[in-house]
Amino acid sequence: MNNKGLYKKYTIINNETGQEVEGEYFVLKPENDPAARAALIHYATRTENKELGKDIVMWVSKFM
């Protein structure tokens, strides 16, 4: 297990522009990470975008 703490591990690229996205991001991989799944489900229930919330729940449920 890697216990480095918080650091910039990934570079986020906008698929439409091919440019690096500015700002701070945190990447989650729910496939192997129960904490990521829990965080995404929580987000899905809190977002005002109901379609996005539904899509996230369907996606994350594949890994449970």
PDB file of N, CA and C in Angstrom:
ATOM      1  N   MET A   1       0.849  -1.188   0.000  1.00  0.00           N
ATOM      2  CA  MET A   1       0.000   0.000   0.000  1.00  0.00           C
ATOM      3  C   MET A   1       0.889   1.243   0.000  1.00  0.00           C
ATOM      4  N   ASN A   2       0.502   2.225  -0.780  1.00  0.00           N
ATOM      5  CA  ASN A   2       1.247   3.476  -0.890  1.00  0.00           C
ATOM      6  C   ASN A   2       0.657   4.494   0.084  1.00  0.00           C
ATOM      7  N   ASN A   3       1.447   4.965   1.026  1.00  0.00           N
ATOM      8  CA  ASN A   3       0.968   5.910   2.032  1.00  0.00           C
ATOM      9  C   ASN A   3       1.682   7.245   1.930  1.00  0.00           C
ATOM     10  N   LYS A   4       1.762   7.796   0.722  1.00  0.00           N
ATOM     11  CA  LYS A   4       2.449   9.063   0.511  1.00  0.00           C
ATOM     12  C   LYS A   4       1.660  10.262   0.996  1.00  0.00           C
ATOM     13  N   GLY A   5       0.377  10.130   1.180  1.00  0.00           N
ATOM     14  CA  GLY A   5      -0.447  11.293   1.496  1.00  0.00           C
ATOM     15  C   GLY A   5      -0.918  11.967   0.218  1.00  0.00           C
ATOM     16  N   LEU A   6      -1.339  13.198   0.342  1.00  0.00           N
ATOM     17  CA  LEU A   6      -1.890  13.940  -0.790  1.00  0.00           C
ATOM     18  C   LEU A   6      -0.772  14.571  -1.604  1.00  0.00           C
ATOM     19  N   TYR A   7      -0.735  14.275  -2.886  1.00  0.00           N
ATOM     20  CA  TYR A   7       0.255  14.861  -3.795  1.00  0.00           C
ATOM     21  C   TYR A   7      -0.311  14.819  -5.209  1.00  0.00           C
ATOM     22  N   LYS A   8       0.291  15.551  -6.122  1.00  0.00           N
ATOM     23  CA  LYS A   8      -0.192  15.605  -7.503  1.00  0.00           C
ATOM     24  C   LYS A   8       0.306  14.369  -8.246  1.00  0.00           C
ATOM     25  N   LYS A   9      -0.541  13.360  -8.319  1.00  0.00           N
ATOM     26  CA  LYS A   9      -0.186  12.092  -8.952  1.00  0.00           C
ATOM     27  C   LYS A   9      -0.574  12.064 -10.425  1.00  0.00           C
ATOM     28  N   TYR A  10      -1.640  12.749 -10.795  1.00  0.00           N
ATOM     29  CA  TYR A  10      -2.164  12.686 -12.152  1.00  0.00           C
ATOM     30  C   TYR A  10      -2.237  14.070 -12.776  1.00  0.00           C
ATOM     31  N   THR A  11      -2.143  14.111 -14.081  1.00  0.00           N
ATOM     32  CA  THR A  11      -2.402  15.312 -14.858  1.00  0.00           C
ATOM     33  C   THR A  11      -3.738  15.104 -15.556  1.00  0.00           C
ATOM     34  N   ILE A  12      -4.649  16.055 -15.410  1.00  0.00           N
ATOM     35  CA  ILE A  12      -5.982  15.941 -15.995  1.00  0.00           C
ATOM     36  C   ILE A  12      -5.993  16.669 -17.334  1.00  0.00           C
ATOM     37  N   ILE A  13      -6.403  15.945 -18.378  1.00  0.00           N
ATOM     38  CA  ILE A  13      -6.470  16.498 -19.736  1.00  0.00           C
ATOM     39  C   ILE A  13      -7.930  16.565 -20.175  1.00  0.00           C
ATOM     40  N   ASN A  14      -8.330  17.712 -20.685  1.00  0.00           N
ATOM     41  CA  ASN A  14      -9.672  17.875 -21.242  1.00  0.00           C
ATOM     42  C   ASN A  14      -9.711  17.125 -22.576  1.00  0.00           C
ATOM     43  N   ASN A  15     -10.549  16.108 -22.673  1.00  0.00           N
ATOM     44  CA  ASN A  15     -10.618  15.300 -23.889  1.00  0.00           C
ATOM     45  C   ASN A  15     -11.085  16.089 -25.104  1.00  0.00           C
ATOM     46  N   GLU A  16     -11.854  17.145 -24.901  1.00  0.00           N
ATOM     47  CA  GLU A  16     -12.357  17.934 -26.022  1.00  0.00           C
ATOM     48  C   GLU A  16     -11.295  18.875 -26.584  1.00  0.00           C
ATOM     49  N   THR A  17     -10.424  19.412 -25.713  1.00  0.00           N
ATOM     50  CA  THR A  17      -9.426  20.382 -26.166  1.00  0.00           C
ATOM     51  C   THR A  17      -8.013  19.815 -26.233  1.00  0.00           C
ATOM     52  N   GLY A  18      -7.770  18.725 -25.526  1.00  0.00           N
ATOM     53  CA  GLY A  18      -6.430  18.163 -25.459  1.00  0.00           C
ATOM     54  C   GLY A  18      -5.504  18.940 -24.530  1.00  0.00           C
ATOM     55  N   GLN A  19      -6.055  19.933 -23.831  1.00  0.00           N
ATOM     56  CA  GLN A  19      -5.262  20.788 -22.961  1.00  0.00           C
ATOM     57  C   GLN A  19      -5.359  20.322 -21.505  1.00  0.00           C
ATOM     58  N   GLU A  20      -4.290  20.573 -20.748  1.00  0.00           N
ATOM     59  CA  GLU A  20      -4.326  20.289 -19.324  1.00  0.00           C
ATOM     60  C   GLU A  20      -5.337  21.216 -18.659  1.00  0.00           C
ATOM     61  N   VAL A  21      -6.119  20.666 -17.747  1.00  0.00           N
ATOM     62  CA  VAL A  21      -7.144  21.420 -17.047  1.00  0.00           C
ATOM     63  C   VAL A  21      -6.511  22.136 -15.858  1.00  0.00           C
ATOM     64  N   GLU A  22      -6.856  23.404 -15.692  1.00  0.00           N
ATOM     65  CA  GLU A  22      -6.349  24.183 -14.563  1.00  0.00           C
ATOM     66  C   GLU A  22      -7.171  23.890 -13.326  1.00  0.00           C
ATOM     67  N   GLY A  23      -6.573  24.068 -12.171  1.00  0.00           N
ATOM     68  CA  GLY A  23      -7.285  23.901 -10.912  1.00  0.00           C
ATOM     69  C   GLY A  23      -6.820  22.675 -10.161  1.00  0.00           C
ATOM     70  N   GLU A  24      -7.484  22.426  -9.064  1.00  0.00           N
ATOM     71  CA  GLU A  24      -7.167  21.304  -8.182  1.00  0.00           C
ATOM     72  C   GLU A  24      -8.186  20.187  -8.395  1.00  0.00           C
ATOM     73  N   TYR A  25      -7.694  18.963  -8.497  1.00  0.00           N
ATOM     74  CA  TYR A  25      -8.553  17.802  -8.711  1.00  0.00           C
ATOM     75  C   TYR A  25      -8.096  16.659  -7.831  1.00  0.00           C
ATOM     76  N   PHE A  26      -9.021  15.741  -7.563  1.00  0.00           N
ATOM     77  CA  PHE A  26      -8.719  14.536  -6.812  1.00  0.00           C
ATOM     78  C   PHE A  26      -9.301  13.376  -7.591  1.00  0.00           C
ATOM     79  N   VAL A  27      -8.479  12.461  -8.041  1.00  0.00           N
ATOM     80  CA  VAL A  27      -8.906  11.340  -8.882  1.00  0.00           C
ATOM     81  C   VAL A  27      -9.281  10.149  -8.006  1.00  0.00           C
ATOM     82  N   LEU A  28     -10.436   9.553  -8.289  1.00  0.00           N
ATOM     83  CA  LEU A  28     -10.896   8.371  -7.564  1.00  0.00           C
ATOM     84  C   LEU A  28     -11.015   7.194  -8.529  1.00  0.00           C
ATOM     85  N   LYS A  29     -10.625   6.016  -8.062  1.00  0.00           N
ATOM     86  CA  LYS A  29     -10.762   4.791  -8.860  1.00  0.00           C
ATOM     87  C   LYS A  29     -11.587   3.797  -8.052  1.00  0.00           C
ATOM     88  N   PRO A  30     -12.900   3.761  -8.273  1.00  0.00           N
ATOM     89  CA  PRO A  30     -13.792   2.962  -7.432  1.00  0.00           C
ATOM     90  C   PRO A  30     -13.656   1.457  -7.621  1.00  0.00           C
ATOM     91  N   GLU A  31     -13.040   1.029  -8.687  1.00  0.00           N
ATOM     92  CA  GLU A  31     -12.948  -0.404  -8.974  1.00  0.00           C
ATOM     93  C   GLU A  31     -12.324  -1.192  -7.825  1.00  0.00           C
ATOM     94  N   ASN A  32     -11.263  -0.664  -7.234  1.00  0.00           N
ATOM     95  CA  ASN A  32     -10.540  -1.389  -6.190  1.00  0.00           C
ATOM     96  C   ASN A  32     -10.517  -0.657  -4.852  1.00  0.00           C
ATOM     97  N   ASP A  33     -11.289   0.407  -4.718  1.00  0.00           N
ATOM     98  CA  ASP A  33     -11.181   1.259  -3.537  1.00  0.00           C
ATOM     99  C   ASP A  33     -12.550   1.489  -2.900  1.00  0.00           C
ATOM    100  N   PRO A  34     -12.836   0.802  -1.792  1.00  0.00           N
ATOM    101  CA  PRO A  34     -14.140   0.984  -1.130  1.00  0.00           C
ATOM    102  C   PRO A  34     -14.388   2.421  -0.688  1.00  0.00           C
ATOM    103  N   ALA A  35     -13.354   3.142  -0.290  1.00  0.00           N
ATOM    104  CA  ALA A  35     -13.530   4.540   0.124  1.00  0.00           C
ATOM    105  C   ALA A  35     -13.947   5.398  -1.067  1.00  0.00           C
ATOM    106  N   ALA A  36     -13.395   5.124  -2.239  1.00  0.00           N
ATOM    107  CA  ALA A  36     -13.776   5.856  -3.448  1.00  0.00           C
ATOM    108  C   ALA A  36     -15.236   5.582  -3.792  1.00  0.00           C
ATOM    109  N   ARG A  37     -15.653   4.334  -3.675  1.00  0.00           N
ATOM    110  CA  ARG A  37     -17.060   3.995  -3.946  1.00  0.00           C
ATOM    111  C   ARG A  37     -17.983   4.750  -2.996  1.00  0.00           C
ATOM    112  N   ALA A  38     -17.642   4.755  -1.720  1.00  0.00           N
ATOM    113  CA  ALA A  38     -18.475   5.444  -0.733  1.00  0.00           C
ATOM    114  C   ALA A  38     -18.543   6.942  -1.026  1.00  0.00           C
ATOM    115  N   ALA A  39     -17.407   7.534  -1.374  1.00  0.00           N
ATOM    116  CA  ALA A  39     -17.375   8.970  -1.670  1.00  0.00           C
ATOM    117  C   ALA A  39     -18.229   9.290  -2.897  1.00  0.00           C
ATOM    118  N   LEU A  40     -18.130   8.464  -3.918  1.00  0.00           N
ATOM    119  CA  LEU A  40     -18.907   8.708  -5.137  1.00  0.00           C
ATOM    120  C   LEU A  40     -20.404   8.531  -4.908  1.00  0.00           C
ATOM    121  N   ILE A  41     -20.789   7.533  -4.136  1.00  0.00           N
ATOM    122  CA  ILE A  41     -22.207   7.346  -3.820  1.00  0.00           C
ATOM    123  C   ILE A  41     -22.720   8.537  -3.020  1.00  0.00           C
ATOM    124  N   HIS A  42     -21.923   9.008  -2.066  1.00  0.00           N
ATOM    125  CA  HIS A  42     -22.320  10.183  -1.290  1.00  0.00           C
ATOM    126  C   HIS A  42     -22.501  11.385  -2.221  1.00  0.00           C
ATOM    127  N   TYR A  43     -21.547  11.598  -3.110  1.00  0.00           N
ATOM    128  CA  TYR A  43     -21.650  12.705  -4.068  1.00  0.00           C
ATOM    129  C   TYR A  43     -22.924  12.556  -4.914  1.00  0.00           C
ATOM    130  N   ALA A  44     -23.172  11.344  -5.379  1.00  0.00           N
ATOM    131  CA  ALA A  44     -24.339  11.102  -6.242  1.00  0.00           C
ATOM    132  C   ALA A  44     -25.640  11.464  -5.544  1.00  0.00           C
ATOM    133  N   THR A  45     -25.706  11.249  -4.240  1.00  0.00           N
ATOM    134  CA  THR A  45     -26.935  11.563  -3.506  1.00  0.00           C
ATOM    135  C   THR A  45     -27.047  13.041  -3.163  1.00  0.00           C
ATOM    136  N   ARG A  46     -25.944  13.773  -3.263  1.00  0.00           N
ATOM    137  CA  ARG A  46     -25.940  15.190  -2.868  1.00  0.00           C
ATOM    138  C   ARG A  46     -25.980  16.161  -4.048  1.00  0.00           C
ATOM    139  N   THR A  47     -25.583  15.695  -5.242  1.00  0.00           N
ATOM    140  CA  THR A  47     -25.548  16.614  -6.380  1.00  0.00           C
ATOM    141  C   THR A  47     -26.961  17.015  -6.807  1.00  0.00           C
ATOM    142  N   GLU A  48     -27.081  18.225  -7.278  1.00  0.00           N
ATOM    143  CA  GLU A  48     -28.372  18.692  -7.796  1.00  0.00           C
ATOM    144  C   GLU A  48     -28.648  18.137  -9.190  1.00  0.00           C
ATOM    145  N   ASN A  49     -27.606  17.642  -9.858  1.00  0.00           N
ATOM    146  CA  ASN A  49     -27.743  17.059 -11.198  1.00  0.00           C
ATOM    147  C   ASN A  49     -28.199  15.607 -11.025  1.00  0.00           C
ATOM    148  N   LYS A  50     -29.486  15.392 -11.051  1.00  0.00           N
ATOM    149  CA  LYS A  50     -30.061  14.071 -10.776  1.00  0.00           C
ATOM    150  C   LYS A  50     -29.650  13.035 -11.816  1.00  0.00           C
ATOM    151  N   GLU A  51     -29.515  13.434 -13.054  1.00  0.00           N
ATOM    152  CA  GLU A  51     -29.081  12.502 -14.102  1.00  0.00           C
ATOM    153  C   GLU A  51     -27.657  12.029 -13.834  1.00  0.00           C
ATOM    154  N   LEU A  52     -26.785  12.955 -13.468  1.00  0.00           N
ATOM    155  CA  LEU A  52     -25.410  12.602 -13.118  1.00  0.00           C
ATOM    156  C   LEU A  52     -25.393  11.684 -11.905  1.00  0.00           C
ATOM    157  N   GLY A  53     -26.163  12.007 -10.888  1.00  0.00           N
ATOM    158  CA  GLY A  53     -26.231  11.173  -9.698  1.00  0.00           C
ATOM    159  C   GLY A  53     -26.649   9.751 -10.017  1.00  0.00           C
ATOM    160  N   LYS A  54     -27.670   9.617 -10.852  1.00  0.00           N
ATOM    161  CA  LYS A  54     -28.151   8.292 -11.262  1.00  0.00           C
ATOM    162  C   LYS A  54     -27.061   7.538 -12.019  1.00  0.00           C
ATOM    163  N   ASP A  55     -26.382   8.219 -12.931  1.00  0.00           N
ATOM    164  CA  ASP A  55     -25.313   7.586 -13.707  1.00  0.00           C
ATOM    165  C   ASP A  55     -24.167   7.129 -12.809  1.00  0.00           C
ATOM    166  N   ILE A  56     -23.807   7.939 -11.830  1.00  0.00           N
ATOM    167  CA  ILE A  56     -22.727   7.569 -10.906  1.00  0.00           C
ATOM    168  C   ILE A  56     -23.102   6.334 -10.109  1.00  0.00           C
ATOM    169  N   VAL A  57     -24.323   6.292  -9.591  1.00  0.00           N
ATOM    170  CA  VAL A  57     -24.758   5.137  -8.808  1.00  0.00           C
ATOM    171  C   VAL A  57     -24.727   3.881  -9.667  1.00  0.00           C
ATOM    172  N   MET A  58     -25.199   3.956 -10.891  1.00  0.00           N
ATOM    173  CA  MET A  58     -25.191   2.791 -11.786  1.00  0.00           C
ATOM    174  C   MET A  58     -23.753   2.354 -12.067  1.00  0.00           C
ATOM    175  N   TRP A  59     -22.856   3.298 -12.302  1.00  0.00           N
ATOM    176  CA  TRP A  59     -21.466   2.990 -12.606  1.00  0.00           C
ATOM    177  C   TRP A  59     -20.791   2.338 -11.403  1.00  0.00           C
ATOM    178  N   VAL A  60     -20.908   2.950 -10.236  1.00  0.00           N
ATOM    179  CA  VAL A  60     -20.229   2.457  -9.036  1.00  0.00           C
ATOM    180  C   VAL A  60     -20.791   1.103  -8.607  1.00  0.00           C
ATOM    181  N   SER A  61     -22.080   0.855  -8.833  1.00  0.00           N
ATOM    182  CA  SER A  61     -22.674  -0.404  -8.406  1.00  0.00           C
ATOM    183  C   SER A  61     -22.049  -1.601  -9.122  1.00  0.00           C
ATOM    184  N   LYS A  62     -21.421  -1.378 -10.263  1.00  0.00           N
ATOM    185  CA  LYS A  62     -20.732  -2.472 -10.977  1.00  0.00           C
ATOM    186  C   LYS A  62     -19.564  -3.007 -10.167  1.00  0.00           C
ATOM    187  N   PHE A  63     -19.019  -2.210  -9.273  1.00  0.00           N
ATOM    188  CA  PHE A  63     -17.809  -2.587  -8.530  1.00  0.00           C
ATOM    189  C   PHE A  63     -18.113  -3.086  -7.124  1.00  0.00           C
ATOM    190  N   MET A  64     -19.373  -3.149  -6.756  1.00  0.00           N
ATOM    191  CA  MET A  64     -19.736  -3.544  -5.384  1.00  0.00           C
ATOM    192  C   MET A  64     -20.032  -5.034  -5.319  1.00  0.00           C
TER     193      MET A  64
END
